Structures are given as structure tokens and as C-alpha cells.
Amino acid sequence: YTAMKNHYLLVQITDIIRQLYEKGSSILKALKKTEKEKSSSLLRSFRTRILTDENFTHLSKPIQVRFT
């Protein structure tokens, strides 16, 4: 049961990241980047970006995600 629950939560997180990526893709289209360049830059930012205290204070604020 715990494994199924964790898998479900990971699927939900992945879906949210995918939706944010697709929404941001419209902005990146204006920059004329290919899908491969967008994916590479997203992966590079996950690997190299360092979170600061300011990032964590933003993360501690409650947010609301709406599905339309």
C-alpha cells in the first residue's frame, strides 16, 4: 500500500512539473528554442542550480494549484 501511495504521489508531482514545463514552453517558443534545447536547459538547471535561503522562504509560503 505504501509503495502504491508513493508511486501515485510521484506521478502527481511529475504531472505538475510537465504542466509547468508546457506552460513555459509557449514563452520559450518566442525565443525559438527547440524541444531538445529546452529539455537540456531544464535538466542543466536541475543539476546545477543551488537553492538559497530566499528560495526556501518562498517555498514555505502556501500556494494554490488549480487544474482547469
PDB file of N, CA and C in Angstrom:
ATOM      1  N   TYR A   1       0.824  -1.194   0.000  1.00  0.00           N
ATOM      2  CA  TYR A   1       0.000   0.000   0.000  1.00  0.00           C
ATOM      3  C   TYR A   1       0.871   1.263   0.000  1.00  0.00           C
ATOM      4  N   THR A   2       1.901   1.270   0.815  1.00  0.00           N
ATOM      5  CA  THR A   2       2.772   2.439   0.897  1.00  0.00           C
ATOM      6  C   THR A   2       3.478   2.689  -0.433  1.00  0.00           C
ATOM      7  N   ALA A   3       3.923   1.610  -1.088  1.00  0.00           N
ATOM      8  CA  ALA A   3       4.590   1.763  -2.379  1.00  0.00           C
ATOM      9  C   ALA A   3       3.629   2.334  -3.418  1.00  0.00           C
ATOM     10  N   MET A   4       2.382   1.864  -3.419  1.00  0.00           N
ATOM     11  CA  MET A   4       1.398   2.392  -4.372  1.00  0.00           C
ATOM     12  C   MET A   4       1.118   3.864  -4.099  1.00  0.00           C
ATOM     13  N   LYS A   5       1.037   4.225  -2.837  1.00  0.00           N
ATOM     14  CA  LYS A   5       0.793   5.617  -2.454  1.00  0.00           C
ATOM     15  C   LYS A   5       1.948   6.517  -2.896  1.00  0.00           C
ATOM     16  N   ASN A   6       3.187   6.050  -2.664  1.00  0.00           N
ATOM     17  CA  ASN A   6       4.356   6.823  -3.083  1.00  0.00           C
ATOM     18  C   ASN A   6       4.408   6.961  -4.597  1.00  0.00           C
ATOM     19  N   HIS A   7       4.094   5.891  -5.297  1.00  0.00           N
ATOM     20  CA  HIS A   7       4.082   5.934  -6.760  1.00  0.00           C
ATOM     21  C   HIS A   7       3.045   6.944  -7.251  1.00  0.00           C
ATOM     22  N   TYR A   8       1.876   6.941  -6.656  1.00  0.00           N
ATOM     23  CA  TYR A   8       0.823   7.879  -7.041  1.00  0.00           C
ATOM     24  C   TYR A   8       1.279   9.325  -6.819  1.00  0.00           C
ATOM     25  N   LEU A   9       1.908   9.586  -5.687  1.00  0.00           N
ATOM     26  CA  LEU A   9       2.379  10.943  -5.397  1.00  0.00           C
ATOM     27  C   LEU A   9       3.457  11.377  -6.387  1.00  0.00           C
ATOM     28  N   LEU A  10       4.363  10.472  -6.741  1.00  0.00           N
ATOM     29  CA  LEU A  10       5.384  10.806  -7.726  1.00  0.00           C
ATOM     30  C   LEU A  10       4.777  11.090  -9.094  1.00  0.00           C
ATOM     31  N   VAL A  11       3.747  10.346  -9.457  1.00  0.00           N
ATOM     32  CA  VAL A  11       3.056  10.592 -10.727  1.00  0.00           C
ATOM     33  C   VAL A  11       2.406  11.969 -10.704  1.00  0.00           C
ATOM     34  N   GLN A  12       1.820  12.357  -9.588  1.00  0.00           N
ATOM     35  CA  GLN A  12       1.194  13.668  -9.469  1.00  0.00           C
ATOM     36  C   GLN A  12       2.232  14.780  -9.570  1.00  0.00           C
ATOM     37  N   ILE A  13       3.360  14.612  -8.901  1.00  0.00           N
ATOM     38  CA  ILE A  13       4.425  15.617  -8.965  1.00  0.00           C
ATOM     39  C   ILE A  13       4.952  15.740 -10.388  1.00  0.00           C
ATOM     40  N   THR A  14       5.140  14.605 -11.046  1.00  0.00           N
ATOM     41  CA  THR A  14       5.610  14.613 -12.428  1.00  0.00           C
ATOM     42  C   THR A  14       4.631  15.330 -13.338  1.00  0.00           C
ATOM     43  N   ASP A  15       3.361  15.112 -13.123  1.00  0.00           N
ATOM     44  CA  ASP A  15       2.348  15.759 -13.943  1.00  0.00           C
ATOM     45  C   ASP A  15       2.360  17.276 -13.748  1.00  0.00           C
ATOM     46  N   ILE A  16       2.537  17.715 -12.513  1.00  0.00           N
ATOM     47  CA  ILE A  16       2.601  19.159 -12.237  1.00  0.00           C
ATOM     48  C   ILE A  16       3.825  19.769 -12.931  1.00  0.00           C
ATOM     49  N   ILE A  17       4.976  19.095 -12.834  1.00  0.00           N
ATOM     50  CA  ILE A  17       6.187  19.606 -13.487  1.00  0.00           C
ATOM     51  C   ILE A  17       5.991  19.661 -14.992  1.00  0.00           C
ATOM     52  N   ARG A  18       5.354  18.631 -15.573  1.00  0.00           N
ATOM     53  CA  ARG A  18       5.113  18.605 -17.018  1.00  0.00           C
ATOM     54  C   ARG A  18       4.213  19.754 -17.438  1.00  0.00           C
ATOM     55  N   GLN A  19       3.156  20.018 -16.646  1.00  0.00           N
ATOM     56  CA  GLN A  19       2.248  21.115 -16.975  1.00  0.00           C
ATOM     57  C   GLN A  19       2.954  22.461 -16.903  1.00  0.00           C
ATOM     58  N   LEU A  20       3.780  22.650 -15.886  1.00  0.00           N
ATOM     59  CA  LEU A  20       4.535  23.898 -15.775  1.00  0.00           C
ATOM     60  C   LEU A  20       5.506  24.044 -16.933  1.00  0.00           C
ATOM     61  N   TYR A  21       6.125  22.944 -17.333  1.00  0.00           N
ATOM     62  CA  TYR A  21       7.062  22.956 -18.453  1.00  0.00           C
ATOM     63  C   TYR A  21       6.340  23.320 -19.747  1.00  0.00           C
ATOM     64  N   GLU A  22       5.165  22.726 -19.966  1.00  0.00           N
ATOM     65  CA  GLU A  22       4.421  23.023 -21.190  1.00  0.00           C
ATOM     66  C   GLU A  22       3.930  24.458 -21.206  1.00  0.00           C
ATOM     67  N   LYS A  23       3.538  24.981 -20.069  1.00  0.00           N
ATOM     68  CA  LYS A  23       3.093  26.376 -19.996  1.00  0.00           C
ATOM     69  C   LYS A  23       4.255  27.313 -20.283  1.00  0.00           C
ATOM     70  N   GLY A  24       5.433  26.965 -19.765  1.00  0.00           N
ATOM     71  CA  GLY A  24       6.619  27.767 -20.021  1.00  0.00           C
ATOM     72  C   GLY A  24       7.115  27.617 -21.442  1.00  0.00           C
ATOM     73  N   SER A  25       6.732  26.531 -22.104  1.00  0.00           N
ATOM     74  CA  SER A  25       7.170  26.313 -23.481  1.00  0.00           C
ATOM     75  C   SER A  25       6.652  27.399 -24.415  1.00  0.00           C
ATOM     76  N   SER A  26       5.474  27.917 -24.156  1.00  0.00           N
ATOM     77  CA  SER A  26       4.948  28.979 -25.011  1.00  0.00           C
ATOM     78  C   SER A  26       5.825  30.225 -24.924  1.00  0.00           C
ATOM     79  N   ILE A  27       6.386  30.469 -23.756  1.00  0.00           N
ATOM     80  CA  ILE A  27       7.304  31.596 -23.592  1.00  0.00           C
ATOM     81  C   ILE A  27       8.613  31.302 -24.321  1.00  0.00           C
ATOM     82  N   LEU A  28       9.083  30.053 -24.199  1.00  0.00           N
ATOM     83  CA  LEU A  28      10.344  29.691 -24.844  1.00  0.00           C
ATOM     84  C   LEU A  28      10.211  29.616 -26.357  1.00  0.00           C
ATOM     85  N   LYS A  29       8.996  29.403 -26.869  1.00  0.00           N
ATOM     86  CA  LYS A  29       8.806  29.394 -28.316  1.00  0.00           C
ATOM     87  C   LYS A  29       9.158  30.752 -28.911  1.00  0.00           C
ATOM     88  N   ALA A  30       8.882  31.784 -28.146  1.00  0.00           N
ATOM     89  CA  ALA A  30       9.219  33.124 -28.611  1.00  0.00           C
ATOM     90  C   ALA A  30      10.738  33.286 -28.743  1.00  0.00           C
ATOM     91  N   LEU A  31      11.480  32.488 -27.982  1.00  0.00           N
ATOM     92  CA  LEU A  31      12.937  32.538 -28.057  1.00  0.00           C
ATOM     93  C   LEU A  31      13.487  31.617 -29.140  1.00  0.00           C
ATOM     94  N   LYS A  32      12.596  30.885 -29.823  1.00  0.00           N
ATOM     95  CA  LYS A  32      12.959  29.998 -30.937  1.00  0.00           C
ATOM     96  C   LYS A  32      13.900  28.877 -30.507  1.00  0.00           C
ATOM     97  N   LYS A  33      13.634  28.266 -29.358  1.00  0.00           N
ATOM     98  CA  LYS A  33      14.433  27.133 -28.914  1.00  0.00           C
ATOM     99  C   LYS A  33      13.743  25.833 -29.332  1.00  0.00           C
ATOM    100  N   THR A  34      14.545  24.828 -29.639  1.00  0.00           N
ATOM    101  CA  THR A  34      13.989  23.529 -29.983  1.00  0.00           C
ATOM    102  C   THR A  34      13.631  22.768 -28.709  1.00  0.00           C
ATOM    103  N   GLU A  35      12.872  21.689 -28.853  1.00  0.00           N
ATOM    104  CA  GLU A  35      12.494  20.878 -27.690  1.00  0.00           C
ATOM    105  C   GLU A  35      13.731  20.320 -26.987  1.00  0.00           C
ATOM    106  N   LYS A  36      14.711  19.907 -27.778  1.00  0.00           N
ATOM    107  CA  LYS A  36      15.926  19.346 -27.185  1.00  0.00           C
ATOM    108  C   LYS A  36      16.674  20.401 -26.376  1.00  0.00           C
ATOM    109  N   GLU A  37      16.745  21.628 -26.891  1.00  0.00           N
ATOM    110  CA  GLU A  37      17.417  22.707 -26.153  1.00  0.00           C
ATOM    111  C   GLU A  37      16.670  23.038 -24.870  1.00  0.00           C
ATOM    112  N   LYS A  38      15.338  23.043 -24.930  1.00  0.00           N
ATOM    113  CA  LYS A  38      14.538  23.317 -23.732  1.00  0.00           C
ATOM    114  C   LYS A  38      14.756  22.240 -22.677  1.00  0.00           C
ATOM    115  N   SER A  39      14.725  20.971 -23.121  1.00  0.00           N
ATOM    116  CA  SER A  39      14.923  19.861 -22.187  1.00  0.00           C
ATOM    117  C   SER A  39      16.315  19.896 -21.588  1.00  0.00           C
ATOM    118  N   SER A  40      17.296  20.194 -22.404  1.00  0.00           N
ATOM    119  CA  SER A  40      18.679  20.256 -21.919  1.00  0.00           C
ATOM    120  C   SER A  40      18.856  21.369 -20.898  1.00  0.00           C
ATOM    121  N   SER A  41      18.276  22.525 -21.161  1.00  0.00           N
ATOM    122  CA  SER A  41      18.422  23.632 -20.211  1.00  0.00           C
ATOM    123  C   SER A  41      17.680  23.354 -18.909  1.00  0.00           C
ATOM    124  N   LEU A  42      16.516  22.673 -18.997  1.00  0.00           N
ATOM    125  CA  LEU A  42      15.779  22.310 -17.784  1.00  0.00           C
ATOM    126  C   LEU A  42      16.591  21.319 -16.955  1.00  0.00           C
ATOM    127  N   LEU A  43      17.148  20.310 -17.596  1.00  0.00           N
ATOM    128  CA  LEU A  43      17.970  19.316 -16.898  1.00  0.00           C
ATOM    129  C   LEU A  43      19.209  19.962 -16.294  1.00  0.00           C
ATOM    130  N   ARG A  44      19.844  20.853 -17.037  1.00  0.00           N
ATOM    131  CA  ARG A  44      21.034  21.553 -16.547  1.00  0.00           C
ATOM    132  C   ARG A  44      20.692  22.385 -15.309  1.00  0.00           C
ATOM    133  N   SER A  45      19.530  23.035 -15.309  1.00  0.00           N
ATOM    134  CA  SER A  45      19.165  23.848 -14.146  1.00  0.00           C
ATOM    135  C   SER A  45      18.874  22.971 -12.926  1.00  0.00           C
ATOM    136  N   PHE A  46      18.288  21.772 -13.147  1.00  0.00           N
ATOM    137  CA  PHE A  46      18.078  20.857 -12.023  1.00  0.00           C
ATOM    138  C   PHE A  46      19.409  20.394 -11.433  1.00  0.00           C
ATOM    139  N   ARG A  47      20.394  20.211 -12.289  1.00  0.00           N
ATOM    140  CA  ARG A  47      21.690  19.709 -11.832  1.00  0.00           C
ATOM    141  C   ARG A  47      22.544  20.773 -11.173  1.00  0.00           C
ATOM    142  N   THR A  48      22.521  21.999 -11.684  1.00  0.00           N
ATOM    143  CA  THR A  48      23.496  22.997 -11.258  1.00  0.00           C
ATOM    144  C   THR A  48      22.950  24.075 -10.338  1.00  0.00           C
ATOM    145  N   ARG A  49      21.659  24.268 -10.297  1.00  0.00           N
ATOM    146  CA  ARG A  49      21.109  25.367  -9.506  1.00  0.00           C
ATOM    147  C   ARG A  49      21.202  25.060  -8.022  1.00  0.00           C
ATOM    148  N   ILE A  50      21.638  26.034  -7.272  1.00  0.00           N
ATOM    149  CA  ILE A  50      21.775  25.887  -5.824  1.00  0.00           C
ATOM    150  C   ILE A  50      20.656  26.688  -5.167  1.00  0.00           C
ATOM    151  N   LEU A  51      19.937  26.033  -4.264  1.00  0.00           N
ATOM    152  CA  LEU A  51      18.849  26.711  -3.565  1.00  0.00           C
ATOM    153  C   LEU A  51      19.416  27.546  -2.423  1.00  0.00           C
ATOM    154  N   THR A  52      18.922  28.766  -2.331  1.00  0.00           N
ATOM    155  CA  THR A  52      19.365  29.677  -1.274  1.00  0.00           C
ATOM    156  C   THR A  52      18.291  29.758  -0.194  1.00  0.00           C
ATOM    157  N   ASP A  53      18.601  30.469   0.875  1.00  0.00           N
ATOM    158  CA  ASP A  53      17.625  30.663   1.947  1.00  0.00           C
ATOM    159  C   ASP A  53      16.388  31.389   1.427  1.00  0.00           C
ATOM    160  N   GLU A  54      16.592  32.307   0.501  1.00  0.00           N
ATOM    161  CA  GLU A  54      15.465  33.048  -0.070  1.00  0.00           C
ATOM    162  C   GLU A  54      14.518  32.102  -0.815  1.00  0.00           C
ATOM    163  N   ASN A  55      15.079  31.116  -1.517  1.00  0.00           N
ATOM    164  CA  ASN A  55      14.246  30.132  -2.203  1.00  0.00           C
ATOM    165  C   ASN A  55      13.396  29.350  -1.212  1.00  0.00           C
ATOM    166  N   PHE A  56      13.993  28.981  -0.087  1.00  0.00           N
ATOM    167  CA  PHE A  56      13.262  28.208   0.897  1.00  0.00           C
ATOM    168  C   PHE A  56      12.157  29.026   1.562  1.00  0.00           C
ATOM    169  N   THR A  57      12.362  30.339   1.724  1.00  0.00           N
ATOM    170  CA  THR A  57      11.298  31.158   2.296  1.00  0.00           C
ATOM    171  C   THR A  57      10.128  31.257   1.321  1.00  0.00           C
ATOM    172  N   HIS A  58      10.427  31.290   0.010  1.00  0.00           N
ATOM    173  CA  HIS A  58       9.347  31.285  -0.978  1.00  0.00           C
ATOM    174  C   HIS A  58       8.610  29.952  -0.972  1.00  0.00           C
ATOM    175  N   LEU A  59       9.359  28.871  -0.755  1.00  0.00           N
ATOM    176  CA  LEU A  59       8.743  27.546  -0.749  1.00  0.00           C
ATOM    177  C   LEU A  59       7.883  27.317   0.481  1.00  0.00           C
ATOM    178  N   SER A  60       8.167  28.013   1.579  1.00  0.00           N
ATOM    179  CA  SER A  60       7.410  27.798   2.803  1.00  0.00           C
ATOM    180  C   SER A  60       6.052  28.505   2.774  1.00  0.00           C
ATOM    181  N   LYS A  61       5.873  29.433   1.833  1.00  0.00           N
ATOM    182  CA  LYS A  61       4.589  30.119   1.720  1.00  0.00           C
ATOM    183  C   LYS A  61       3.564  29.191   1.078  1.00  0.00           C
ATOM    184  N   PRO A  62       2.323  29.222   1.552  1.00  0.00           N
ATOM    185  CA  PRO A  62       1.304  28.356   0.946  1.00  0.00           C
ATOM    186  C   PRO A  62       0.999  28.790  -0.487  1.00  0.00           C
ATOM    187  N   ILE A  63       0.781  27.815  -1.350  1.00  0.00           N
ATOM    188  CA  ILE A  63       0.427  28.098  -2.732  1.00  0.00           C
ATOM    189  C   ILE A  63      -0.851  27.351  -3.088  1.00  0.00           C
ATOM    190  N   GLN A  64      -1.430  27.732  -4.183  1.00  0.00           N
ATOM    191  CA  GLN A  64      -2.634  27.061  -4.638  1.00  0.00           C
ATOM    192  C   GLN A  64      -2.435  26.665  -6.104  1.00  0.00           C
ATOM    193  N   VAL A  65      -2.638  25.393  -6.379  1.00  0.00           N
ATOM    194  CA  VAL A  65      -2.510  24.883  -7.732  1.00  0.00           C
ATOM    195  C   VAL A  65      -3.918  24.574  -8.225  1.00  0.00           C
ATOM    196  N   ARG A  66      -4.289  25.145  -9.361  1.00  0.00           N
ATOM    197  CA  ARG A  66      -5.619  24.915  -9.916  1.00  0.00           C
ATOM    198  C   ARG A  66      -5.515  24.128 -11.210  1.00  0.00           C
ATOM    199  N   PHE A  67      -6.347  23.147 -11.341  1.00  0.00           N
ATOM    200  CA  PHE A  67      -6.407  22.353 -12.552  1.00  0.00           C
ATOM    201  C   PHE A  67      -7.623  22.781 -13.349  1.00  0.00           C
ATOM    202  N   THR A  68      -7.406  23.196 -14.578  1.00  0.00           N
ATOM    203  CA  THR A  68      -8.540  23.637 -15.391  1.00  0.00           C
ATOM    204  C   THR A  68      -8.813  22.669 -16.519  1.00  0.00           C
TER     205      THR A  68
END
